[in-house]
Amino acid sequence: MEKGKIEQIVNDILVTKIELKEEMIERDASLKDDLGIDSLSLLDLLTFLEKAFTIKIKLYELDGVETLEHLYDFLENKIRVKEQDKTTT
């Protein structure tokens, strides 16, 4: 999946499910400080991301994911691994 598509899906989830204002969505936005995503919101976000991308995400995997850019990169790598696993099985 292309990174641009991943970003589009994540941003849509942030606006429609987490109820953030679209103008808040910037690549360098801090999940916690700029977007106000607390631990409860993070768990909700993980659930929506898992469903949208059909992947499993452990909370500890997000250690160090501080900005939207980090989240996009994390998801891109997670999805790439999932797609590679499909082709090798």
C-alpha atoms as a PDB file:
ATOM      1  CA  MET A   1       0.000   0.000   0.000  1.00  0.00           C
ATOM      2  CA  GLU A   2       1.322   3.422  -0.901  1.00  0.00           C
ATOM      3  CA  LYS A   3       2.241   5.802   1.897  1.00  0.00           C
ATOM      4  CA  GLY A   4      -0.105   8.476   0.536  1.00  0.00           C
ATOM      5  CA  LYS A   5      -3.043   6.069   0.854  1.00  0.00           C
ATOM      6  CA  ILE A   6      -1.994   5.185   4.397  1.00  0.00           C
ATOM      7  CA  GLU A   7      -1.864   8.879   5.307  1.00  0.00           C
ATOM      8  CA  GLN A   8      -5.295   9.459   3.790  1.00  0.00           C
ATOM      9  CA  ILE A   9      -6.844   6.591   5.774  1.00  0.00           C
ATOM     10  CA  VAL A  10      -5.171   7.643   9.042  1.00  0.00           C
ATOM     11  CA  ASN A  11      -6.220  11.261   8.587  1.00  0.00           C
ATOM     12  CA  ASP A  12      -9.787  10.205   7.819  1.00  0.00           C
ATOM     13  CA  ILE A  13      -9.880   8.109  11.002  1.00  0.00           C
ATOM     14  CA  LEU A  14      -8.522  11.001  13.039  1.00  0.00           C
ATOM     15  CA  VAL A  15     -11.226  13.326  11.738  1.00  0.00           C
ATOM     16  CA  THR A  16     -14.233  11.008  11.585  1.00  0.00           C
ATOM     17  CA  LYS A  17     -13.597   8.604  14.470  1.00  0.00           C
ATOM     18  CA  ILE A  18     -11.336  10.476  16.899  1.00  0.00           C
ATOM     19  CA  GLU A  19     -13.150  13.722  16.036  1.00  0.00           C
ATOM     20  CA  LEU A  20     -10.138  15.950  15.469  1.00  0.00           C
ATOM     21  CA  LYS A  21     -10.415  19.066  13.351  1.00  0.00           C
ATOM     22  CA  GLU A  22      -8.960  18.602   9.891  1.00  0.00           C
ATOM     23  CA  GLU A  23      -6.795  21.712  10.225  1.00  0.00           C
ATOM     24  CA  MET A  24      -5.000  20.073  13.168  1.00  0.00           C
ATOM     25  CA  ILE A  25      -3.719  17.255  10.970  1.00  0.00           C
ATOM     26  CA  GLU A  26      -0.084  17.978  10.073  1.00  0.00           C
ATOM     27  CA  ARG A  27       2.717  15.521   9.476  1.00  0.00           C
ATOM     28  CA  ASP A  28       4.873  16.921  12.269  1.00  0.00           C
ATOM     29  CA  ALA A  29       1.994  17.202  14.764  1.00  0.00           C
ATOM     30  CA  SER A  30       2.680  15.558  18.105  1.00  0.00           C
ATOM     31  CA  LEU A  31       0.066  12.922  18.858  1.00  0.00           C
ATOM     32  CA  LYS A  32      -0.040  13.900  22.508  1.00  0.00           C
ATOM     33  CA  ASP A  33       0.796  17.603  22.628  1.00  0.00           C
ATOM     34  CA  ASP A  34      -0.676  18.914  19.352  1.00  0.00           C
ATOM     35  CA  LEU A  35      -3.526  16.481  18.754  1.00  0.00           C
ATOM     36  CA  GLY A  36      -4.394  15.805  22.389  1.00  0.00           C
ATOM     37  CA  ILE A  37      -4.409  12.032  21.966  1.00  0.00           C
ATOM     38  CA  ASP A  38      -4.355  10.616  25.480  1.00  0.00           C
ATOM     39  CA  SER A  39      -4.022   6.960  26.441  1.00  0.00           C
ATOM     40  CA  LEU A  40      -7.734   6.257  25.995  1.00  0.00           C
ATOM     41  CA  SER A  41      -7.862   7.969  22.600  1.00  0.00           C
ATOM     42  CA  LEU A  42      -4.737   6.050  21.595  1.00  0.00           C
ATOM     43  CA  LEU A  43      -6.437   2.743  22.341  1.00  0.00           C
ATOM     44  CA  ASP A  44      -9.432   3.824  20.251  1.00  0.00           C
ATOM     45  CA  LEU A  45      -7.114   4.894  17.437  1.00  0.00           C
ATOM     46  CA  LEU A  46      -5.321   1.525  17.525  1.00  0.00           C
ATOM     47  CA  THR A  47      -8.627  -0.303  17.218  1.00  0.00           C
ATOM     48  CA  PHE A  48      -9.648   1.769  14.198  1.00  0.00           C
ATOM     49  CA  LEU A  49      -6.221   1.355  12.578  1.00  0.00           C
ATOM     50  CA  GLU A  50      -6.247  -2.407  13.102  1.00  0.00           C
ATOM     51  CA  LYS A  51      -9.628  -2.663  11.424  1.00  0.00           C
ATOM     52  CA  ALA A  52      -8.759  -0.304   8.570  1.00  0.00           C
ATOM     53  CA  PHE A  53      -5.475  -2.036   7.704  1.00  0.00           C
ATOM     54  CA  THR A  54      -6.307  -5.567   8.925  1.00  0.00           C
ATOM     55  CA  ILE A  55      -3.217  -5.672  11.123  1.00  0.00           C
ATOM     56  CA  LYS A  56      -2.528  -6.276  14.809  1.00  0.00           C
ATOM     57  CA  ILE A  57      -0.774  -3.561  16.790  1.00  0.00           C
ATOM     58  CA  LYS A  58       0.561  -4.056  20.292  1.00  0.00           C
ATOM     59  CA  LEU A  59       0.562  -0.896  22.393  1.00  0.00           C
ATOM     60  CA  TYR A  60       4.277  -1.269  23.180  1.00  0.00           C
ATOM     61  CA  GLU A  61       5.038  -1.180  19.441  1.00  0.00           C
ATOM     62  CA  LEU A  62       4.109   2.493  19.471  1.00  0.00           C
ATOM     63  CA  ASP A  63       6.863   3.419  21.930  1.00  0.00           C
ATOM     64  CA  GLY A  64       8.744   6.233  20.228  1.00  0.00           C
ATOM     65  CA  VAL A  65       5.874   7.053  17.858  1.00  0.00           C
ATOM     66  CA  GLU A  66       5.415  10.682  18.782  1.00  0.00           C
ATOM     67  CA  THR A  67       4.237  12.423  15.607  1.00  0.00           C
ATOM     68  CA  LEU A  68       1.880  11.670  12.763  1.00  0.00           C
ATOM     69  CA  GLU A  69       4.919  11.200  10.506  1.00  0.00           C
ATOM     70  CA  HIS A  70       6.190   8.509  12.881  1.00  0.00           C
ATOM     71  CA  LEU A  71       2.759   6.874  12.851  1.00  0.00           C
ATOM     72  CA  TYR A  72       2.602   6.893   9.043  1.00  0.00           C
ATOM     73  CA  ASP A  73       6.084   5.324   8.865  1.00  0.00           C
ATOM     74  CA  PHE A  74       5.215   2.722  11.508  1.00  0.00           C
ATOM     75  CA  LEU A  75       2.061   1.704   9.630  1.00  0.00           C
ATOM     76  CA  GLU A  76       3.839   1.610   6.278  1.00  0.00           C
ATOM     77  CA  ASN A  77       6.430  -0.803   7.714  1.00  0.00           C
ATOM     78  CA  LYS A  78       3.797  -2.902   9.502  1.00  0.00           C
ATOM     79  CA  ILE A  79       1.721  -3.217   6.326  1.00  0.00           C
ATOM     80  CA  ARG A  80       4.802  -4.018   4.215  1.00  0.00           C
ATOM     81  CA  VAL A  81       5.719  -6.876   6.574  1.00  0.00           C
ATOM     82  CA  LYS A  82       2.141  -8.186   6.424  1.00  0.00           C
ATOM     83  CA  GLU A  83       2.161  -8.081   2.616  1.00  0.00           C
ATOM     84  CA  GLN A  84       5.557  -9.802   2.457  1.00  0.00           C
ATOM     85  CA  ASP A  85       4.320 -12.534   4.780  1.00  0.00           C
ATOM     86  CA  LYS A  86       1.370 -13.138   2.431  1.00  0.00           C
ATOM     87  CA  THR A  87       3.646 -13.587  -0.571  1.00  0.00           C
ATOM     88  CA  THR A  88       5.955 -16.028   1.202  1.00  0.00           C
ATOM     89  CA  THR A  89       3.248 -18.306   2.547  1.00  0.00           C
END
